[in-house]
Amino acid sequence: MRNRIREEGQTGQILAEMRVYRFLGVRLFQRAVFVLERVRHRKDGGKNRNYHLRRLSFSSISKHYGYLSYNALIHFTGLAAVAAVAVLKCFFFQDRKVVDYALLFAVIANLYCIMLQRYNALRLMYYQISCRKSRRHRIKKKSGILYDNIPPDYDPDVRKQDIRWLGKMRKALNGRRDFFIADEDAVRLDRLWTWTDHAGLSPKPAVRTEIVPARNEDARQSPAGEKLYAGTDLFVAFLQKRFHRDRDRILLSYSVFTKGKKSEQAYSRLFPVDQEEAVLDILDMFCLPMTEGDGEDGGEIRF
């Protein structure tokens, strides 16, 4: 309940701050920036990667927060450079009005660029809160159906151990740590899949892709010729971890590794879509009734 009240308060603050930026003309400034981008890339038809969100997923939104911090840092540096030039002007260019106008333009341009990054960050925050509300309702509904249809031959003690094991997986993924599944865990996964099938919630089969850490998605999908972004990406990742700690269940990187064919087949049945949102949806569906204070089991799910 406290988290839900906090979300309502955050929504009001976000909308109020966004109205201020709109009143100051940030959206018009953004359109002008996109026009300049098209002019700059009129020959190659490309885009500035740090301007655009790749896709609406937890990991992409998380990385884009880092790009917004990166962009803002560049323009804060620009303001510092303008201040340094202004100090020099006091000694060497006191009668140059052109320099005054140039400095004023640079200050306004950098300030609006910083406000634009903040405005876009607020838009993403508002989108995330809206998604969490709908996701919370969906997960609670599925979890209720699941626990109302427990197979009669599923031993309660075994079921509790299986759910605790899923809690450890969930805690590892939310903590951005790798999780390893051994072949002896295949029986456990089979029992859990049988439970979902009995409740009519078994995940639909999907085409499996190679299990690759989410942090490598850009390396696999980026077109050739973007090697110049490698250093920028490392700096962006640092900014993301430094200034945007995960309080909203956004994954920066994780991997689930299976150690044999049995565990891979069992994992593929219970988690047919190897993407962070789909995996966490299934884990939260099982782990929702867990109470806080279970230690390494993962604790209570916090929406």
Protein backbone atom coordinates (compact mmCIF):
# COMPACT_ATOMS: atom_id res chain seq x y z
CA MET A 1 0.00 0.00 0.00
CA ARG A 2 2.82 2.41 0.87
CA ASN A 3 4.46 1.78 -2.50
CA ARG A 4 1.17 2.47 -4.29
CA ILE A 5 0.69 5.75 -2.39
CA ARG A 6 4.27 6.71 -3.20
CA GLU A 7 3.62 6.03 -6.90
CA GLU A 8 0.55 8.29 -6.85
CA GLY A 9 2.62 11.06 -5.29
CA GLN A 10 5.39 10.57 -7.83
CA THR A 11 2.88 10.74 -10.69
CA GLY A 12 1.59 14.11 -9.50
CA GLN A 13 5.10 15.52 -9.13
CA ILE A 14 6.18 14.22 -12.52
CA LEU A 15 3.17 15.69 -14.33
CA ALA A 16 3.61 19.06 -12.59
CA GLU A 17 7.29 19.28 -13.51
CA MET A 18 6.56 18.24 -17.10
CA ARG A 19 4.00 21.07 -17.39
CA VAL A 20 6.67 23.57 -16.34
CA TYR A 21 9.07 22.34 -19.04
CA ARG A 22 6.30 22.43 -21.66
CA PHE A 23 5.47 26.01 -20.66
CA LEU A 24 9.14 26.92 -21.17
CA GLY A 25 8.99 25.53 -24.72
CA VAL A 26 11.05 22.36 -24.26
CA ARG A 27 8.93 20.40 -26.75
CA LEU A 28 9.49 23.03 -29.45
CA PHE A 29 13.20 22.90 -28.68
CA GLN A 30 13.13 19.11 -29.06
CA ARG A 31 11.55 19.43 -32.51
CA ALA A 32 14.30 21.84 -33.51
CA VAL A 33 16.93 19.34 -32.28
CA PHE A 34 15.38 16.57 -34.40
CA VAL A 35 15.37 18.87 -37.45
CA LEU A 36 19.09 19.51 -36.94
CA GLU A 37 19.63 15.76 -36.58
CA ARG A 38 17.94 15.10 -39.94
CA VAL A 39 20.02 17.82 -41.57
CA ARG A 40 23.20 16.37 -40.11
CA HIS A 41 22.37 12.84 -41.34
CA ARG A 42 20.73 13.82 -44.64
CA LYS A 43 23.30 11.80 -46.61
CA ASP A 44 23.60 8.63 -44.53
CA GLY A 45 20.03 8.57 -43.16
CA GLY A 46 21.31 7.66 -39.70
CA LYS A 47 20.34 8.82 -36.22
CA ASN A 48 22.13 9.83 -33.05
CA ARG A 49 21.78 6.76 -30.87
CA ASN A 50 21.80 8.75 -27.64
CA TYR A 51 18.70 10.66 -28.81
CA HIS A 52 16.37 7.71 -29.37
CA LEU A 53 15.04 4.84 -27.27
CA ARG A 54 15.78 1.53 -28.97
CA ARG A 55 12.64 -0.28 -27.78
CA LEU A 56 10.17 -0.25 -24.90
CA SER A 57 11.84 -2.83 -22.68
CA PHE A 58 13.22 -2.64 -19.15
CA SER A 59 16.84 -2.96 -20.25
CA SER A 60 16.53 -0.42 -23.10
CA ILE A 61 14.82 2.15 -20.88
CA SER A 62 17.47 1.59 -18.23
CA LYS A 63 20.27 2.17 -20.72
CA HIS A 64 18.54 5.24 -22.15
CA TYR A 65 18.58 6.79 -18.67
CA GLY A 66 22.35 6.52 -18.91
CA TYR A 67 22.33 8.29 -22.27
CA LEU A 68 20.20 11.09 -20.83
CA SER A 69 22.72 11.53 -18.00
CA TYR A 70 25.54 11.45 -20.56
CA ASN A 71 23.87 14.15 -22.67
CA ALA A 72 23.21 16.33 -19.62
CA LEU A 73 26.82 15.96 -18.47
CA ILE A 74 28.05 17.16 -21.88
CA HIS A 75 25.94 20.31 -21.63
CA PHE A 76 26.95 20.94 -18.01
CA THR A 77 30.51 20.85 -19.30
CA GLY A 78 29.44 23.33 -21.98
CA LEU A 79 28.12 25.69 -19.28
CA ALA A 80 31.44 25.43 -17.43
CA ALA A 81 33.28 26.29 -20.65
CA VAL A 82 31.01 29.32 -21.18
CA ALA A 83 31.76 30.49 -17.63
CA ALA A 84 35.50 30.18 -18.30
CA VAL A 85 35.19 32.21 -21.51
CA ALA A 86 33.13 34.83 -19.66
CA VAL A 87 35.96 35.23 -17.12
CA LEU A 88 38.51 35.65 -19.90
CA LYS A 89 36.27 38.21 -21.61
CA CYS A 90 36.39 40.41 -18.53
CA PHE A 91 40.13 40.83 -19.14
CA PHE A 92 40.59 40.64 -22.92
CA PHE A 93 37.30 41.32 -24.78
CA GLN A 94 35.49 43.86 -22.67
CA ASP A 95 34.15 45.92 -25.60
CA ARG A 96 33.12 43.02 -27.87
CA LYS A 97 29.31 42.88 -27.94
CA VAL A 98 29.42 39.95 -30.34
CA VAL A 99 31.09 37.84 -27.66
CA ASP A 100 28.34 38.80 -25.20
CA TYR A 101 25.63 37.65 -27.60
CA ALA A 102 27.51 34.43 -28.36
CA LEU A 103 27.89 33.65 -24.65
CA LEU A 104 24.21 34.36 -24.00
CA PHE A 105 23.19 32.04 -26.84
CA ALA A 106 25.50 29.30 -25.56
CA VAL A 107 24.07 29.56 -22.04
CA ILE A 108 20.45 29.37 -23.26
CA ALA A 109 21.19 26.49 -25.66
CA ASN A 110 22.96 24.41 -22.99
CA LEU A 111 20.26 25.11 -20.39
CA TYR A 112 17.53 23.99 -22.76
CA CYS A 113 19.48 20.87 -23.66
CA ILE A 114 19.75 20.00 -19.95
CA MET A 115 16.04 20.65 -19.43
CA LEU A 116 15.27 18.44 -22.43
CA GLN A 117 17.14 15.52 -20.88
CA ARG A 118 15.22 15.97 -17.65
CA TYR A 119 11.91 16.21 -19.52
CA ASN A 120 12.57 12.97 -21.39
CA ALA A 121 13.60 11.24 -18.15
CA LEU A 122 10.29 12.30 -16.59
CA ARG A 123 8.39 10.91 -19.57
CA LEU A 124 10.10 7.54 -19.10
CA MET A 125 9.37 7.59 -15.35
CA TYR A 126 5.68 8.24 -16.02
CA TYR A 127 5.59 5.43 -18.58
CA GLN A 128 7.22 3.02 -16.12
CA ILE A 129 4.72 3.85 -13.37
CA SER A 130 1.83 3.23 -15.79
CA CYS A 131 3.35 -0.10 -16.84
CA ARG A 132 3.87 -1.19 -13.24
CA LYS A 133 0.20 -0.53 -12.44
CA SER A 134 -1.05 -2.72 -15.29
CA ARG A 135 1.63 -5.34 -14.59
CA ARG A 136 0.71 -5.48 -10.90
CA HIS A 137 -2.91 -6.21 -11.76
CA ARG A 138 -1.96 -8.86 -14.34
CA ILE A 139 0.48 -10.70 -12.05
CA LYS A 140 -1.92 -10.74 -9.09
CA LYS A 141 -4.69 -12.16 -11.27
CA LYS A 142 -2.48 -14.94 -12.64
CA SER A 143 -1.02 -15.74 -9.21
CA GLY A 144 -4.53 -16.09 -7.77
CA ILE A 145 -5.50 -18.53 -10.52
CA LEU A 146 -2.25 -20.47 -10.01
CA TYR A 147 -2.70 -20.95 -6.25
CA ASP A 148 -6.38 -21.79 -6.63
CA ASN A 149 -5.45 -24.73 -8.89
CA ILE A 150 -2.64 -26.58 -7.10
CA PRO A 151 -2.36 -30.20 -8.28
CA PRO A 152 -3.61 -32.57 -5.55
CA ASP A 153 -0.52 -34.79 -5.83
CA TYR A 154 1.91 -31.85 -5.37
CA ASP A 155 3.39 -32.33 -1.89
CA PRO A 156 3.17 -29.03 0.09
CA ASP A 157 6.72 -29.31 1.46
CA VAL A 158 8.17 -30.02 -1.99
CA ARG A 159 6.14 -27.15 -3.46
CA LYS A 160 7.48 -24.79 -0.80
CA GLN A 161 11.06 -25.82 -1.59
CA ASP A 162 10.47 -25.32 -5.32
CA ILE A 163 9.07 -21.84 -4.77
CA ARG A 164 11.99 -20.93 -2.51
CA TRP A 165 14.34 -22.02 -5.32
CA LEU A 166 12.48 -19.74 -7.75
CA GLY A 167 12.79 -16.97 -5.17
CA LYS A 168 16.56 -17.36 -5.27
CA MET A 169 16.50 -17.10 -9.07
CA ARG A 170 14.32 -14.00 -8.89
CA LYS A 171 16.61 -12.38 -6.33
CA ALA A 172 19.67 -13.10 -8.49
CA LEU A 173 18.09 -11.55 -11.59
CA ASN A 174 16.81 -8.50 -9.72
CA GLY A 175 20.30 -8.14 -8.22
CA ARG A 176 21.84 -8.31 -11.72
CA ARG A 177 23.67 -11.55 -11.01
CA ASP A 178 23.94 -14.65 -13.17
CA PHE A 179 21.95 -17.73 -12.16
CA PHE A 180 23.02 -21.30 -12.94
CA ILE A 181 20.59 -24.21 -13.37
CA ALA A 182 22.00 -27.72 -12.98
CA ASP A 183 20.58 -30.88 -14.54
CA GLU A 184 19.28 -32.04 -11.16
CA ASP A 185 17.06 -28.94 -11.13
CA ALA A 186 15.24 -30.17 -14.25
CA VAL A 187 12.86 -32.27 -12.12
CA ARG A 188 12.02 -29.17 -10.11
CA LEU A 189 11.28 -27.17 -13.28
CA ASP A 190 9.13 -30.00 -14.62
CA ARG A 191 7.04 -29.99 -11.42
CA LEU A 192 6.53 -26.25 -11.69
CA TRP A 193 5.54 -26.49 -15.35
CA THR A 194 3.05 -29.25 -14.52
CA TRP A 195 1.53 -26.93 -11.93
CA THR A 196 1.10 -24.10 -14.46
CA ASP A 197 -0.33 -26.55 -17.00
CA HIS A 198 -2.83 -27.83 -14.42
CA ALA A 199 -3.90 -24.22 -13.73
CA GLY A 200 -4.18 -23.46 -17.44
CA LEU A 201 -1.33 -20.93 -17.28
CA SER A 202 1.45 -22.85 -19.02
CA PRO A 203 3.49 -20.43 -21.17
CA LYS A 204 3.01 -20.73 -24.90
CA PRO A 205 5.94 -22.27 -26.80
CA ALA A 206 8.13 -19.83 -28.65
CA VAL A 207 11.16 -19.94 -30.89
CA ARG A 208 14.13 -20.09 -28.56
CA THR A 209 17.07 -17.81 -29.14
CA GLU A 210 20.58 -18.15 -27.86
CA ILE A 211 20.77 -17.40 -24.14
CA VAL A 212 22.84 -14.22 -24.15
CA PRO A 213 23.25 -11.66 -21.37
CA ALA A 214 20.95 -8.68 -21.82
CA ARG A 215 23.99 -6.41 -21.67
CA ASN A 216 25.11 -7.80 -25.06
CA GLU A 217 21.91 -6.97 -26.95
CA ASP A 218 23.32 -3.80 -28.51
CA ALA A 219 26.52 -5.56 -29.52
CA ARG A 220 24.45 -8.18 -31.37
CA GLN A 221 21.94 -5.81 -32.95
CA SER A 222 23.97 -2.71 -33.72
CA PRO A 223 24.86 -2.20 -37.39
CA ALA A 224 28.45 -2.15 -38.54
CA GLY A 225 30.31 1.11 -38.25
CA GLU A 226 29.25 1.94 -34.68
CA LYS A 227 32.52 0.96 -33.02
CA LEU A 228 33.01 4.62 -32.11
CA TYR A 229 30.23 4.19 -29.56
CA ALA A 230 32.13 1.54 -27.58
CA GLY A 231 33.80 3.99 -25.19
CA THR A 232 30.61 6.01 -24.89
CA ASP A 233 28.64 2.91 -23.96
CA LEU A 234 31.05 2.11 -21.12
CA PHE A 235 30.71 5.64 -19.78
CA VAL A 236 26.93 5.52 -20.17
CA ALA A 237 26.81 2.24 -18.22
CA PHE A 238 28.81 3.89 -15.44
CA LEU A 239 26.45 6.86 -15.31
CA GLN A 240 23.42 4.56 -15.27
CA LYS A 241 24.73 2.60 -12.29
CA ARG A 242 25.85 5.78 -10.50
CA PHE A 243 22.79 7.99 -10.87
CA HIS A 244 19.87 5.66 -11.68
CA ARG A 245 19.97 2.81 -9.19
CA ASP A 246 17.29 0.22 -9.74
CA ARG A 247 14.24 0.99 -7.62
CA ASP A 248 11.79 0.27 -10.44
CA ARG A 249 12.72 -3.32 -11.26
CA ILE A 250 14.77 -2.40 -14.33
CA LEU A 251 17.39 -4.95 -15.33
CA LEU A 252 20.78 -3.74 -16.50
CA SER A 253 22.27 -7.14 -17.19
CA TYR A 254 21.66 -10.76 -16.29
CA SER A 255 22.03 -14.26 -17.66
CA VAL A 256 20.47 -17.63 -16.92
CA PHE A 257 22.87 -20.46 -17.66
CA THR A 258 21.82 -24.10 -17.97
CA LYS A 259 24.50 -26.74 -17.44
CA GLY A 260 23.05 -29.57 -19.50
CA LYS A 261 20.42 -30.68 -22.00
CA LYS A 262 17.92 -31.74 -19.35
CA SER A 263 18.01 -28.41 -17.57
CA GLU A 264 17.87 -26.53 -20.89
CA GLN A 265 14.77 -28.43 -22.03
CA ALA A 266 13.03 -27.98 -18.68
CA TYR A 267 13.93 -24.27 -18.57
CA SER A 268 12.70 -23.79 -22.15
CA ARG A 269 9.31 -25.26 -21.25
CA LEU A 270 8.71 -23.07 -18.22
CA PHE A 271 10.37 -19.95 -19.71
CA PRO A 272 9.80 -20.22 -23.48
CA VAL A 273 10.60 -16.54 -24.08
CA ASP A 274 14.13 -15.77 -22.88
CA GLN A 275 13.59 -12.07 -22.27
CA GLU A 276 13.84 -10.25 -18.97
CA GLU A 277 10.19 -9.12 -18.81
CA ALA A 278 8.77 -12.56 -19.62
CA VAL A 279 11.06 -14.38 -17.19
CA LEU A 280 10.29 -12.00 -14.33
CA ASP A 281 6.54 -12.17 -15.00
CA ILE A 282 6.59 -15.94 -14.47
CA LEU A 283 8.87 -15.72 -11.43
CA ASP A 284 6.68 -13.07 -9.79
CA MET A 285 3.55 -15.11 -10.50
CA PHE A 286 5.00 -17.96 -8.43
CA CYS A 287 6.69 -15.85 -5.75
CA LEU A 288 3.91 -13.33 -5.04
CA PRO A 289 2.67 -14.98 -1.79
CA MET A 290 6.18 -15.09 -0.31
CA THR A 291 6.46 -13.10 2.91
CA GLU A 292 9.15 -10.60 3.77
CA GLY A 293 12.01 -11.89 5.86
CA ASP A 294 12.73 -15.14 4.02
CA GLY A 295 16.34 -14.06 3.64
CA GLU A 296 17.97 -15.42 0.53
CA ASP A 297 14.66 -16.73 -0.78
CA GLY A 298 13.99 -13.38 -2.40
CA GLY A 299 11.57 -11.76 0.03
CA GLU A 300 8.23 -10.18 -0.70
CA ILE A 301 7.66 -8.86 -4.20
CA ARG A 302 7.70 -5.08 -4.19
CA PHE A 303 5.70 -3.46 -7.01
